[in-house]
Amino acid sequence: MLHFFKLRYALCLLALSTLAPVALSSADGPFASLDPKAISIRLPADLQWQGGENGIEVIPLAGDASKPGLYVILVKWSAHHNSRPHFHPNDRFITVLSGTWWVNTGRNYDPQHMQPVPAGSFVTHYAKQVHYDGAKDADVILEIVGMGPETLTPAEAGPGTG
């Protein structure tokens, strides 16, 4: 099961690292008068979800989560999908943009006791602290800001470890 979870996360990071942001050309439409050295605009039609493996889709907005430095991504959790206990090497700053995000902490996976976090909320995942999260009956969209390289380390309690 842990191998599957690592593979799922690796596929998500691969999608993030291979997608290059597409900036709106300064010669396009109403933004033609703007200096492209001063501003980059990506309209909603330019933001295409990538991935979809196991209920997770991403849109990289800035940086590259697989490399050192700041990154900003949008993450969509499809309904009825969530992660297993894990941790990340660095703090992550998360805004719930839409839907209700469900979260819990600890190494024992207990989805019945996940807590709802409504749209508009701000959450910090602290470095190396175990948590799990996802979506219950409806999709949820998050903006995640962090420092790369971003990794995920499974941390679920094994049988008999309580």
C-alpha atoms as a PDB file:
ATOM      1  CA  MET A   1       0.000   0.000   0.000  1.00  0.00           C
ATOM      2  CA  LEU A   2       2.828   2.429   0.823  1.00  0.00           C
ATOM      3  CA  HIS A   3       4.456   1.678  -2.540  1.00  0.00           C
ATOM      4  CA  PHE A   4       1.182   2.615  -4.283  1.00  0.00           C
ATOM      5  CA  PHE A   5       0.950   5.857  -2.274  1.00  0.00           C
ATOM      6  CA  LYS A   6       4.566   6.808  -3.095  1.00  0.00           C
ATOM      7  CA  LEU A   7       3.939   6.075  -6.779  1.00  0.00           C
ATOM      8  CA  ARG A   8       0.788   8.223  -6.787  1.00  0.00           C
ATOM      9  CA  TYR A   9       2.661  11.147  -5.226  1.00  0.00           C
ATOM     10  CA  ALA A  10       5.621  10.712  -7.578  1.00  0.00           C
ATOM     11  CA  LEU A  11       3.269  10.907 -10.553  1.00  0.00           C
ATOM     12  CA  CYS A  12       1.780  14.117  -9.150  1.00  0.00           C
ATOM     13  CA  LEU A  13       5.251  15.673  -8.724  1.00  0.00           C
ATOM     14  CA  LEU A  14       6.242  14.519 -12.212  1.00  0.00           C
ATOM     15  CA  ALA A  15       3.239  16.330 -13.623  1.00  0.00           C
ATOM     16  CA  LEU A  16       4.237  19.462 -11.691  1.00  0.00           C
ATOM     17  CA  SER A  17       7.848  19.401 -12.819  1.00  0.00           C
ATOM     18  CA  THR A  18       7.082  18.853 -16.501  1.00  0.00           C
ATOM     19  CA  LEU A  19       4.465  21.550 -16.895  1.00  0.00           C
ATOM     20  CA  ALA A  20       5.823  24.911 -17.958  1.00  0.00           C
ATOM     21  CA  PRO A  21       3.628  27.885 -17.130  1.00  0.00           C
ATOM     22  CA  VAL A  22       2.118  29.476 -20.206  1.00  0.00           C
ATOM     23  CA  ALA A  23       2.118  33.260 -19.939  1.00  0.00           C
ATOM     24  CA  LEU A  24      -0.319  35.292 -21.953  1.00  0.00           C
ATOM     25  CA  SER A  25       1.497  36.919 -24.847  1.00  0.00           C
ATOM     26  CA  SER A  26       1.616  40.697 -24.653  1.00  0.00           C
ATOM     27  CA  ALA A  27       0.337  40.760 -28.229  1.00  0.00           C
ATOM     28  CA  ASP A  28      -2.926  39.044 -27.245  1.00  0.00           C
ATOM     29  CA  GLY A  29      -6.253  40.804 -26.753  1.00  0.00           C
ATOM     30  CA  PRO A  30      -6.871  43.465 -24.114  1.00  0.00           C
ATOM     31  CA  PHE A  31      -3.419  43.003 -22.549  1.00  0.00           C
ATOM     32  CA  ALA A  32      -1.469  43.984 -25.677  1.00  0.00           C
ATOM     33  CA  SER A  33      -0.499  47.329 -24.137  1.00  0.00           C
ATOM     34  CA  LEU A  34       1.072  45.746 -21.027  1.00  0.00           C
ATOM     35  CA  ASP A  35       4.830  45.226 -20.811  1.00  0.00           C
ATOM     36  CA  PRO A  36       5.466  41.436 -20.626  1.00  0.00           C
ATOM     37  CA  LYS A  37       8.668  42.144 -18.657  1.00  0.00           C
ATOM     38  CA  ALA A  38       6.504  43.737 -15.949  1.00  0.00           C
ATOM     39  CA  ILE A  39       3.499  41.400 -15.773  1.00  0.00           C
ATOM     40  CA  SER A  40       2.334  37.934 -16.763  1.00  0.00           C
ATOM     41  CA  ILE A  41      -1.353  37.094 -16.901  1.00  0.00           C
ATOM     42  CA  ARG A  42      -2.865  33.643 -17.186  1.00  0.00           C
ATOM     43  CA  LEU A  43      -6.591  33.667 -17.768  1.00  0.00           C
ATOM     44  CA  PRO A  44      -8.832  30.868 -16.464  1.00  0.00           C
ATOM     45  CA  ALA A  45      -8.871  29.250 -19.924  1.00  0.00           C
ATOM     46  CA  ASP A  46      -5.059  29.003 -19.739  1.00  0.00           C
ATOM     47  CA  LEU A  47      -5.135  27.116 -16.420  1.00  0.00           C
ATOM     48  CA  GLN A  48      -5.616  23.486 -17.349  1.00  0.00           C
ATOM     49  CA  TRP A  49      -5.750  20.747 -14.723  1.00  0.00           C
ATOM     50  CA  GLN A  50      -3.122  18.054 -15.211  1.00  0.00           C
ATOM     51  CA  GLY A  51      -2.885  14.576 -13.770  1.00  0.00           C
ATOM     52  CA  GLY A  52      -6.008  13.036 -12.354  1.00  0.00           C
ATOM     53  CA  GLU A  53      -4.339   9.893 -11.051  1.00  0.00           C
ATOM     54  CA  ASN A  54      -6.176   8.715  -7.945  1.00  0.00           C
ATOM     55  CA  GLY A  55      -8.270  11.834  -7.607  1.00  0.00           C
ATOM     56  CA  ILE A  56      -5.529  14.500  -7.602  1.00  0.00           C
ATOM     57  CA  GLU A  57      -5.102  17.138 -10.302  1.00  0.00           C
ATOM     58  CA  VAL A  58      -2.645  20.041 -10.269  1.00  0.00           C
ATOM     59  CA  ILE A  59      -1.919  23.363 -11.920  1.00  0.00           C
ATOM     60  CA  PRO A  60       1.570  24.778 -11.305  1.00  0.00           C
ATOM     61  CA  LEU A  61       1.335  28.555 -10.969  1.00  0.00           C
ATOM     62  CA  ALA A  62       4.886  29.566 -10.005  1.00  0.00           C
ATOM     63  CA  GLY A  63       8.173  27.796  -9.428  1.00  0.00           C
ATOM     64  CA  ASP A  64       8.750  24.062  -9.622  1.00  0.00           C
ATOM     65  CA  ALA A  65       7.825  21.918  -6.626  1.00  0.00           C
ATOM     66  CA  SER A  66      10.472  19.350  -7.557  1.00  0.00           C
ATOM     67  CA  LYS A  67      13.332  21.896  -7.330  1.00  0.00           C
ATOM     68  CA  PRO A  68      14.717  24.116  -4.560  1.00  0.00           C
ATOM     69  CA  GLY A  69      12.872  27.381  -4.123  1.00  0.00           C
ATOM     70  CA  LEU A  70       9.397  28.807  -3.810  1.00  0.00           C
ATOM     71  CA  TYR A  71       6.500  27.108  -5.578  1.00  0.00           C
ATOM     72  CA  VAL A  72       2.777  27.821  -5.838  1.00  0.00           C
ATOM     73  CA  ILE A  73       0.347  25.179  -7.055  1.00  0.00           C
ATOM     74  CA  LEU A  74      -3.367  24.601  -7.268  1.00  0.00           C
ATOM     75  CA  VAL A  75      -4.465  21.135  -6.199  1.00  0.00           C
ATOM     76  CA  LYS A  76      -7.874  19.637  -6.848  1.00  0.00           C
ATOM     77  CA  TRP A  77      -8.935  16.678  -4.732  1.00  0.00           C
ATOM     78  CA  SER A  78     -11.811  14.820  -6.386  1.00  0.00           C
ATOM     79  CA  ALA A  79     -14.677  13.717  -4.164  1.00  0.00           C
ATOM     80  CA  HIS A  80     -14.113  10.468  -2.247  1.00  0.00           C
ATOM     81  CA  HIS A  81     -10.299  10.625  -2.421  1.00  0.00           C
ATOM     82  CA  ASN A  82      -7.815  11.283   0.355  1.00  0.00           C
ATOM     83  CA  SER A  83      -4.239  10.647   1.317  1.00  0.00           C
ATOM     84  CA  ARG A  84      -2.834   8.313   3.937  1.00  0.00           C
ATOM     85  CA  PRO A  85      -0.683   9.520   6.874  1.00  0.00           C
ATOM     86  CA  HIS A  86       2.460  11.256   5.600  1.00  0.00           C
ATOM     87  CA  PHE A  87       4.693  14.274   6.127  1.00  0.00           C
ATOM     88  CA  HIS A  88       6.615  16.820   4.075  1.00  0.00           C
ATOM     89  CA  PRO A  89      10.159  18.163   4.640  1.00  0.00           C
ATOM     90  CA  ASN A  90       9.137  21.842   4.708  1.00  0.00           C
ATOM     91  CA  ASP A  91       6.237  23.942   5.957  1.00  0.00           C
ATOM     92  CA  ARG A  92       3.383  24.285   3.446  1.00  0.00           C
ATOM     93  CA  PHE A  93       0.856  27.127   3.451  1.00  0.00           C
ATOM     94  CA  ILE A  94      -2.561  26.171   2.159  1.00  0.00           C
ATOM     95  CA  THR A  95      -5.671  28.191   1.323  1.00  0.00           C
ATOM     96  CA  VAL A  96      -8.937  26.324   0.765  1.00  0.00           C
ATOM     97  CA  LEU A  97     -10.327  28.030  -2.336  1.00  0.00           C
ATOM     98  CA  SER A  98     -13.486  25.989  -2.800  1.00  0.00           C
ATOM     99  CA  GLY A  99     -15.254  23.039  -1.244  1.00  0.00           C
ATOM    100  CA  THR A 100     -14.629  21.519   2.154  1.00  0.00           C
ATOM    101  CA  TRP A 101     -11.219  19.975   2.817  1.00  0.00           C
ATOM    102  CA  TRP A 102     -11.064  17.172   5.362  1.00  0.00           C
ATOM    103  CA  VAL A 103      -7.964  16.792   7.545  1.00  0.00           C
ATOM    104  CA  ASN A 104      -6.593  14.707  10.392  1.00  0.00           C
ATOM    105  CA  THR A 105      -3.252  14.189  12.118  1.00  0.00           C
ATOM    106  CA  GLY A 106      -1.341  11.197  13.407  1.00  0.00           C
ATOM    107  CA  ARG A 107       0.012   7.932  12.086  1.00  0.00           C
ATOM    108  CA  ASN A 108      -3.208   5.946  12.554  1.00  0.00           C
ATOM    109  CA  TYR A 109      -5.417   6.391   9.501  1.00  0.00           C
ATOM    110  CA  ASP A 110      -8.923   7.217  10.780  1.00  0.00           C
ATOM    111  CA  PRO A 111     -11.038   8.839   8.026  1.00  0.00           C
ATOM    112  CA  GLN A 112     -14.193   8.798  10.217  1.00  0.00           C
ATOM    113  CA  HIS A 113     -12.587  11.418  12.484  1.00  0.00           C
ATOM    114  CA  MET A 114     -11.307  13.786   9.798  1.00  0.00           C
ATOM    115  CA  GLN A 115     -12.239  17.420  10.510  1.00  0.00           C
ATOM    116  CA  PRO A 116     -13.894  19.736   7.932  1.00  0.00           C
ATOM    117  CA  VAL A 117     -12.019  22.868   6.825  1.00  0.00           C
ATOM    118  CA  PRO A 118     -14.325  25.209   4.861  1.00  0.00           C
ATOM    119  CA  ALA A 119     -13.510  27.352   1.834  1.00  0.00           C
ATOM    120  CA  GLY A 120     -11.681  30.545   2.773  1.00  0.00           C
ATOM    121  CA  SER A 121      -9.649  28.849   5.517  1.00  0.00           C
ATOM    122  CA  PHE A 122      -5.866  29.023   5.791  1.00  0.00           C
ATOM    123  CA  VAL A 123      -3.920  25.971   6.999  1.00  0.00           C
ATOM    124  CA  THR A 124      -0.235  25.420   7.753  1.00  0.00           C
ATOM    125  CA  HIS A 125       1.246  21.949   7.439  1.00  0.00           C
ATOM    126  CA  TYR A 126       4.338  22.065   9.612  1.00  0.00           C
ATOM    127  CA  ALA A 127       7.509  20.358   8.416  1.00  0.00           C
ATOM    128  CA  LYS A 128       7.917  16.698   9.351  1.00  0.00           C
ATOM    129  CA  GLN A 129       4.533  16.517  11.158  1.00  0.00           C
ATOM    130  CA  VAL A 130       2.219  13.658  10.209  1.00  0.00           C
ATOM    131  CA  HIS A 131      -1.163  14.431   8.650  1.00  0.00           C
ATOM    132  CA  TYR A 132      -3.597  13.205   6.005  1.00  0.00           C
ATOM    133  CA  ASP A 133      -6.320  14.969   4.079  1.00  0.00           C
ATOM    134  CA  GLY A 134      -8.697  14.917   1.145  1.00  0.00           C
ATOM    135  CA  ALA A 135     -12.247  15.376  -0.108  1.00  0.00           C
ATOM    136  CA  LYS A 136     -15.386  13.598   1.042  1.00  0.00           C
ATOM    137  CA  ASP A 137     -18.591  14.152  -0.941  1.00  0.00           C
ATOM    138  CA  ALA A 138     -17.473  17.026  -3.194  1.00  0.00           C
ATOM    139  CA  ASP A 139     -14.330  18.253  -4.954  1.00  0.00           C
ATOM    140  CA  VAL A 140     -12.044  20.666  -3.116  1.00  0.00           C
ATOM    141  CA  ILE A 141      -9.525  23.122  -4.585  1.00  0.00           C
ATOM    142  CA  LEU A 142      -6.474  24.268  -2.626  1.00  0.00           C
ATOM    143  CA  GLU A 143      -3.690  26.744  -3.266  1.00  0.00           C
ATOM    144  CA  ILE A 144      -0.446  25.399  -1.795  1.00  0.00           C
ATOM    145  CA  VAL A 145       2.651  27.557  -1.298  1.00  0.00           C
ATOM    146  CA  GLY A 146       5.911  26.045  -0.126  1.00  0.00           C
ATOM    147  CA  MET A 147       9.632  25.647  -0.587  1.00  0.00           C
ATOM    148  CA  GLY A 148      10.882  22.847  -2.793  1.00  0.00           C
ATOM    149  CA  PRO A 149      11.963  20.326  -3.417  1.00  0.00           C
ATOM    150  CA  GLU A 150       8.642  18.977  -2.228  1.00  0.00           C
ATOM    151  CA  THR A 151       8.506  15.350  -1.207  1.00  0.00           C
ATOM    152  CA  LEU A 152       6.082  13.153   0.661  1.00  0.00           C
ATOM    153  CA  THR A 153       7.146  10.541   3.205  1.00  0.00           C
ATOM    154  CA  PRO A 154       4.548   7.903   4.135  1.00  0.00           C
ATOM    155  CA  ALA A 155       4.139   7.646   7.926  1.00  0.00           C
ATOM    156  CA  GLU A 156       1.230   5.313   8.557  1.00  0.00           C
ATOM    157  CA  ALA A 157       1.404   3.164  11.690  1.00  0.00           C
ATOM    158  CA  GLY A 158       1.958  -0.489  10.887  1.00  0.00           C
ATOM    159  CA  PRO A 159      -0.154  -3.347  12.203  1.00  0.00           C
ATOM    160  CA  GLY A 160       0.183  -3.704  15.961  1.00  0.00           C
ATOM    161  CA  THR A 161       1.896  -0.316  16.404  1.00  0.00           C
ATOM    162  CA  GLY A 162      -1.335   1.295  17.603  1.00  0.00           C
END
